[in-house]
PDB file of N, CA and C in Angstrom:
ATOM      1  N   UNK A   1      12.207  31.341 -12.200  1.00  0.00           N
ATOM      2  CA  UNK A   1      11.677  30.649 -11.044  1.00  0.00           C
ATOM      3  C   UNK A   1      12.561  29.451 -10.752  1.00  0.00           C
ATOM      4  N   UNK A   2      12.721  29.143  -9.513  1.00  0.00           N
ATOM      5  CA  UNK A   2      13.498  27.971  -9.105  1.00  0.00           C
ATOM      6  C   UNK A   2      12.620  26.725  -9.209  1.00  0.00           C
ATOM      7  N   UNK A   3      13.212  25.622  -9.666  1.00  0.00           N
ATOM      8  CA  UNK A   3      12.443  24.375  -9.771  1.00  0.00           C
ATOM      9  C   UNK A   3      11.954  23.899  -8.408  1.00  0.00           C
ATOM     10  N   UNK A   4      12.647  24.276  -7.339  1.00  0.00           N
ATOM     11  CA  UNK A   4      12.225  23.873  -5.992  1.00  0.00           C
ATOM     12  C   UNK A   4      10.868  24.479  -5.619  1.00  0.00           C
ATOM     13  N   UNK A   5      10.454  25.532  -6.317  1.00  0.00           N
ATOM     14  CA  UNK A   5       9.143  26.148  -6.076  1.00  0.00           C
ATOM     15  C   UNK A   5       8.008  25.181  -6.403  1.00  0.00           C
ATOM     16  N   UNK A   6       8.285  24.176  -7.233  1.00  0.00           N
ATOM     17  CA  UNK A   6       7.260  23.199  -7.610  1.00  0.00           C
ATOM     18  C   UNK A   6       6.706  22.452  -6.395  1.00  0.00           C
ATOM     19  N   UNK A   7       7.462  22.417  -5.303  1.00  0.00           N
ATOM     20  CA  UNK A   7       7.009  21.735  -4.085  1.00  0.00           C
ATOM     21  C   UNK A   7       5.895  22.498  -3.375  1.00  0.00           C
ATOM     22  N   UNK A   8       5.768  23.810  -3.640  1.00  0.00           N
ATOM     23  CA  UNK A   8       4.813  24.619  -2.879  1.00  0.00           C
ATOM     24  C   UNK A   8       3.706  25.257  -3.716  1.00  0.00           C
ATOM     25  N   UNK A   9       3.865  25.316  -5.040  1.00  0.00           N
ATOM     26  CA  UNK A   9       2.810  25.939  -5.839  1.00  0.00           C
ATOM     27  C   UNK A   9       1.821  24.893  -6.350  1.00  0.00           C
ATOM     28  N   UNK A  10       0.596  25.352  -6.612  1.00  0.00           N
ATOM     29  CA  UNK A  10      -0.447  24.466  -7.136  1.00  0.00           C
ATOM     30  C   UNK A  10      -1.357  25.272  -8.053  1.00  0.00           C
ATOM     31  N   UNK A  11      -2.240  24.597  -8.724  1.00  0.00           N
ATOM     32  CA  UNK A  11      -3.201  25.243  -9.612  1.00  0.00           C
ATOM     33  C   UNK A  11      -4.111  26.152  -8.791  1.00  0.00           C
ATOM     34  N   UNK A  12      -4.253  27.418  -9.179  1.00  0.00           N
ATOM     35  CA  UNK A  12      -5.124  28.320  -8.421  1.00  0.00           C
ATOM     36  C   UNK A  12      -6.613  27.989  -8.562  1.00  0.00           C
ATOM     37  N   UNK A  13      -6.962  27.208  -9.577  1.00  0.00           N
ATOM     38  CA  UNK A  13      -8.369  26.874  -9.791  1.00  0.00           C
ATOM     39  C   UNK A  13      -8.837  25.704  -8.942  1.00  0.00           C
ATOM     40  N   UNK A  14      -8.045  24.622  -8.911  1.00  0.00           N
ATOM     41  CA  UNK A  14      -8.509  23.432  -8.185  1.00  0.00           C
ATOM     42  C   UNK A  14      -7.485  22.874  -7.186  1.00  0.00           C
ATOM     43  N   UNK A  15      -6.392  23.606  -7.001  1.00  0.00           N
ATOM     44  CA  UNK A  15      -5.352  23.253  -6.008  1.00  0.00           C
ATOM     45  C   UNK A  15      -4.640  21.938  -6.311  1.00  0.00           C
ATOM     46  N   UNK A  16      -4.717  21.474  -7.553  1.00  0.00           N
ATOM     47  CA  UNK A  16      -4.020  20.248  -7.953  1.00  0.00           C
ATOM     48  C   UNK A  16      -2.561  20.552  -8.279  1.00  0.00           C
ATOM     49  N   UNK A  17      -1.776  19.506  -8.432  1.00  0.00           N
ATOM     50  CA  UNK A  17      -0.352  19.650  -8.753  1.00  0.00           C
ATOM     51  C   UNK A  17      -0.176  20.224 -10.154  1.00  0.00           C
ATOM     52  N   UNK A  18       0.957  20.884 -10.346  1.00  0.00           N
ATOM     53  CA  UNK A  18       1.312  21.439 -11.651  1.00  0.00           C
ATOM     54  C   UNK A  18       2.495  20.677 -12.226  1.00  0.00           C
ATOM     55  N   UNK A  19       2.481  20.499 -13.538  1.00  0.00           N
ATOM     56  CA  UNK A  19       3.572  19.829 -14.236  1.00  0.00           C
ATOM     57  C   UNK A  19       4.391  20.894 -14.965  1.00  0.00           C
ATOM     58  N   UNK A  20       5.700  20.844 -14.817  1.00  0.00           N
ATOM     59  CA  UNK A  20       6.597  21.838 -15.397  1.00  0.00           C
ATOM     60  C   UNK A  20       7.117  21.378 -16.743  1.00  0.00           C
ATOM     61  N   UNK A  21       7.015  22.262 -17.757  1.00  0.00           N
ATOM     62  CA  UNK A  21       7.600  22.040 -19.075  1.00  0.00           C
ATOM     63  C   UNK A  21       8.550  23.204 -19.331  1.00  0.00           C
ATOM     64  N   UNK A  22       9.855  22.935 -19.318  1.00  0.00           N
ATOM     65  CA  UNK A  22      10.870  23.983 -19.427  1.00  0.00           C
ATOM     66  C   UNK A  22      11.223  24.233 -20.881  1.00  0.00           C
ATOM     67  N   UNK A  23      11.159  25.511 -21.303  1.00  0.00           N
ATOM     68  CA  UNK A  23      11.594  25.909 -22.644  1.00  0.00           C
ATOM     69  C   UNK A  23      12.997  26.498 -22.600  1.00  0.00           C
ATOM     70  N   UNK A  24      13.301  27.231 -21.519  1.00  0.00           N
ATOM     71  CA  UNK A  24      14.614  27.868 -21.384  1.00  0.00           C
ATOM     72  C   UNK A  24      14.987  27.928 -19.909  1.00  0.00           C
ATOM     73  N   UNK A  25      16.243  27.570 -19.600  1.00  0.00           N
ATOM     74  CA  UNK A  25      16.691  27.661 -18.223  1.00  0.00           C
ATOM     75  C   UNK A  25      18.143  28.112 -18.162  1.00  0.00           C
ATOM     76  N   UNK A  26      18.517  28.655 -17.024  1.00  0.00           N
ATOM     77  CA  UNK A  26      19.873  29.125 -16.782  1.00  0.00           C
ATOM     78  C   UNK A  26      20.292  28.613 -15.412  1.00  0.00           C
ATOM     79  N   UNK A  27      21.251  27.683 -15.381  1.00  0.00           N
ATOM     80  CA  UNK A  27      21.650  26.994 -14.148  1.00  0.00           C
ATOM     81  C   UNK A  27      20.431  26.310 -13.541  1.00  0.00           C
ATOM     82  N   UNK A  28      20.018  26.711 -12.336  1.00  0.00           N
ATOM     83  CA  UNK A  28      18.858  26.070 -11.703  1.00  0.00           C
ATOM     84  C   UNK A  28      17.618  26.962 -11.755  1.00  0.00           C
ATOM     85  N   UNK A  29      17.618  27.944 -12.653  1.00  0.00           N
ATOM     86  CA  UNK A  29      16.512  28.890 -12.778  1.00  0.00           C
ATOM     87  C   UNK A  29      15.760  28.655 -14.086  1.00  0.00           C
ATOM     88  N   UNK A  30      14.430  28.463 -14.000  1.00  0.00           N
ATOM     89  CA  UNK A  30      13.596  28.311 -15.196  1.00  0.00           C
ATOM     90  C   UNK A  30      13.239  29.709 -15.681  1.00  0.00           C
ATOM     91  N   UNK A  31      13.658  30.053 -16.893  1.00  0.00           N
ATOM     92  CA  UNK A  31      13.404  31.385 -17.441  1.00  0.00           C
ATOM     93  C   UNK A  31      12.132  31.438 -18.279  1.00  0.00           C
ATOM     94  N   UNK A  32      11.821  30.349 -18.978  1.00  0.00           N
ATOM     95  CA  UNK A  32      10.620  30.304 -19.813  1.00  0.00           C
ATOM     96  C   UNK A  32      10.091  28.881 -19.839  1.00  0.00           C
ATOM     97  N   UNK A  33       8.777  28.767 -19.902  1.00  0.00           N
ATOM     98  CA  UNK A  33       8.152  27.459 -19.946  1.00  0.00           C
ATOM     99  C   UNK A  33       6.681  27.542 -19.626  1.00  0.00           C
ATOM    100  N   UNK A  34       6.128  26.410 -19.233  1.00  0.00           N
ATOM    101  CA  UNK A  34       4.704  26.312 -18.956  1.00  0.00           C
ATOM    102  C   UNK A  34       4.476  25.423 -17.745  1.00  0.00           C
ATOM    103  N   UNK A  35       3.526  25.830 -16.922  1.00  0.00           N
ATOM    104  CA  UNK A  35       3.042  25.008 -15.818  1.00  0.00           C
ATOM    105  C   UNK A  35       1.653  24.538 -16.221  1.00  0.00           C
ATOM    106  N   UNK A  36       1.414  23.233 -16.180  1.00  0.00           N
ATOM    107  CA  UNK A  36       0.119  22.680 -16.592  1.00  0.00           C
ATOM    108  C   UNK A  36      -0.488  21.902 -15.435  1.00  0.00           C
ATOM    109  N   UNK A  37      -1.753  22.167 -15.153  1.00  0.00           N
ATOM    110  CA  UNK A  37      -2.457  21.478 -14.079  1.00  0.00           C
ATOM    111  C   UNK A  37      -2.684  20.018 -14.451  1.00  0.00           C
ATOM    112  N   UNK A  38      -2.394  19.127 -13.510  1.00  0.00           N
ATOM    113  CA  UNK A  38      -2.564  17.691 -13.765  1.00  0.00           C
ATOM    114  C   UNK A  38      -4.031  17.269 -13.716  1.00  0.00           C
ATOM    115  N   UNK A  39      -4.914  18.107 -13.176  1.00  0.00           N
ATOM    116  CA  UNK A  39      -6.346  17.766 -13.095  1.00  0.00           C
ATOM    117  C   UNK A  39      -7.167  18.440 -14.192  1.00  0.00           C
ATOM    118  N   UNK A  40      -7.172  19.790 -14.212  1.00  0.00           N
ATOM    119  CA  UNK A  40      -8.044  20.503 -15.152  1.00  0.00           C
ATOM    120  C   UNK A  40      -7.376  20.790 -16.491  1.00  0.00           C
ATOM    121  N   UNK A  41      -6.040  20.676 -16.566  1.00  0.00           N
ATOM    122  CA  UNK A  41      -5.336  20.884 -17.822  1.00  0.00           C
ATOM    123  C   UNK A  41      -5.043  22.335 -18.157  1.00  0.00           C
ATOM    124  N   UNK A  42      -5.399  23.259 -17.285  1.00  0.00           N
ATOM    125  CA  UNK A  42      -5.126  24.677 -17.536  1.00  0.00           C
ATOM    126  C   UNK A  42      -3.617  24.918 -17.554  1.00  0.00           C
ATOM    127  N   UNK A  43      -3.158  25.785 -18.449  1.00  0.00           N
ATOM    128  CA  UNK A  43      -1.726  26.090 -18.569  1.00  0.00           C
ATOM    129  C   UNK A  43      -1.442  27.497 -18.077  1.00  0.00           C
ATOM    130  N   UNK A  44      -0.280  27.634 -17.450  1.00  0.00           N
ATOM    131  CA  UNK A  44       0.169  28.914 -16.917  1.00  0.00           C
ATOM    132  C   UNK A  44       1.570  29.177 -17.438  1.00  0.00           C
ATOM    133  N   UNK A  45       1.788  30.340 -18.071  1.00  0.00           N
ATOM    134  CA  UNK A  45       3.098  30.613 -18.669  1.00  0.00           C
ATOM    135  C   UNK A  45       4.141  31.041 -17.632  1.00  0.00           C
ATOM    136  N   UNK A  46       5.396  30.744 -17.942  1.00  0.00           N
ATOM    137  CA  UNK A  46       6.527  31.269 -17.183  1.00  0.00           C
ATOM    138  C   UNK A  46       7.288  32.157 -18.163  1.00  0.00           C
ATOM    139  N   UNK A  47       7.394  33.437 -17.850  1.00  0.00           N
ATOM    140  CA  UNK A  47       8.090  34.382 -18.719  1.00  0.00           C
ATOM    141  C   UNK A  47       9.086  35.176 -17.887  1.00  0.00           C
ATOM    142  N   UNK A  48      10.306  35.283 -18.365  1.00  0.00           N
ATOM    143  CA  UNK A  48      11.373  35.998 -17.658  1.00  0.00           C
ATOM    144  C   UNK A  48      11.562  35.474 -16.241  1.00  0.00           C
ATOM    145  N   UNK A  49      11.345  34.173 -16.059  1.00  0.00           N
ATOM    146  CA  UNK A  49      11.545  33.549 -14.757  1.00  0.00           C
ATOM    147  C   UNK A  49      10.402  33.738 -13.782  1.00  0.00           C
ATOM    148  N   UNK A  50       9.285  34.308 -14.235  1.00  0.00           N
ATOM    149  CA  UNK A  50       8.148  34.587 -13.353  1.00  0.00           C
ATOM    150  C   UNK A  50       6.932  33.777 -13.804  1.00  0.00           C
ATOM    151  N   UNK A  51       6.429  32.884 -12.941  1.00  0.00           N
ATOM    152  CA  UNK A  51       5.211  32.140 -13.304  1.00  0.00           C
ATOM    153  C   UNK A  51       3.979  33.032 -13.150  1.00  0.00           C
ATOM    154  N   UNK A  52       3.114  33.022 -14.154  1.00  0.00           N
ATOM    155  CA  UNK A  52       1.867  33.790 -14.106  1.00  0.00           C
ATOM    156  C   UNK A  52       0.756  32.821 -13.705  1.00  0.00           C
ATOM    157  N   UNK A  53       0.413  32.831 -12.414  1.00  0.00           N
ATOM    158  CA  UNK A  53      -0.587  31.905 -11.899  1.00  0.00           C
ATOM    159  C   UNK A  53      -1.970  32.538 -11.753  1.00  0.00           C
ATOM    160  N   UNK A  54      -2.193  33.618 -12.487  1.00  0.00           N
ATOM    161  CA  UNK A  54      -3.534  34.192 -12.487  1.00  0.00           C
ATOM    162  C   UNK A  54      -4.487  33.255 -13.218  1.00  0.00           C
ATOM    163  N   UNK A  55      -5.728  33.128 -12.739  1.00  0.00           N
ATOM    164  CA  UNK A  55      -6.715  32.336 -13.479  1.00  0.00           C
ATOM    165  C   UNK A  55      -6.879  32.909 -14.886  1.00  0.00           C
ATOM    166  N   UNK A  56      -7.269  32.091 -15.858  1.00  0.00           N
ATOM    167  CA  UNK A  56      -7.328  32.517 -17.260  1.00  0.00           C
ATOM    168  C   UNK A  56      -8.127  33.798 -17.491  1.00  0.00           C
ATOM    169  N   UNK A  57      -9.266  33.962 -16.865  1.00  0.00           N
ATOM    170  CA  UNK A  57     -10.071  35.157 -17.087  1.00  0.00           C
ATOM    171  C   UNK A  57      -9.370  36.416 -16.574  1.00  0.00           C
ATOM    172  N   UNK A  58      -8.637  36.317 -15.500  1.00  0.00           N
ATOM    173  CA  UNK A  58      -7.911  37.463 -14.963  1.00  0.00           C
ATOM    174  C   UNK A  58      -6.668  37.765 -15.794  1.00  0.00           C
ATOM    175  N   UNK A  59      -6.050  36.757 -16.394  1.00  0.00           N
ATOM    176  CA  UNK A  59      -4.884  36.950 -17.253  1.00  0.00           C
ATOM    177  C   UNK A  59      -5.256  37.772 -18.472  1.00  0.00           C
ATOM    178  N   UNK A  60      -6.417  37.481 -19.063  1.00  0.00           N
ATOM    179  CA  UNK A  60      -6.864  38.208 -20.248  1.00  0.00           C
ATOM    180  C   UNK A  60      -7.162  39.663 -19.925  1.00  0.00           C
ATOM    181  N   UNK A  61      -7.745  39.933 -18.745  1.00  0.00           N
ATOM    182  CA  UNK A  61      -8.027  41.300 -18.330  1.00  0.00           C
ATOM    183  C   UNK A  61      -6.736  42.072 -18.079  1.00  0.00           C
ATOM    184  N   UNK A  62      -5.729  41.417 -17.511  1.00  0.00           N
ATOM    185  CA  UNK A  62      -4.470  42.079 -17.163  1.00  0.00           C
ATOM    186  C   UNK A  62      -3.696  42.501 -18.400  1.00  0.00           C
ATOM    187  N   UNK A  63      -3.811  41.761 -19.500  1.00  0.00           N
ATOM    188  CA  UNK A  63      -3.083  42.110 -20.718  1.00  0.00           C
ATOM    189  C   UNK A  63      -3.846  43.090 -21.587  1.00  0.00           C
ATOM    190  N   UNK A  64      -5.130  43.264 -21.345  1.00  0.00           N
ATOM    191  CA  UNK A  64      -5.950  44.174 -22.166  1.00  0.00           C
ATOM    192  C   UNK A  64      -5.776  45.619 -21.748  1.00  0.00           C
TER     193      UNK A  64
END
């Protein structure tokens, strides 16, 4: 995901801003990390450059 995407994405639960924590990046692309809501504290993983912004209950169903 491009860091510039941070200007347009928000928490799907309460529409608050997300804070980016980068674990791995390549040039200007975030490959792995976490997006954390500044209000509710919910975390959303970034894997293979793709942020998973599904709400927590839907994330668990998708992996099962």
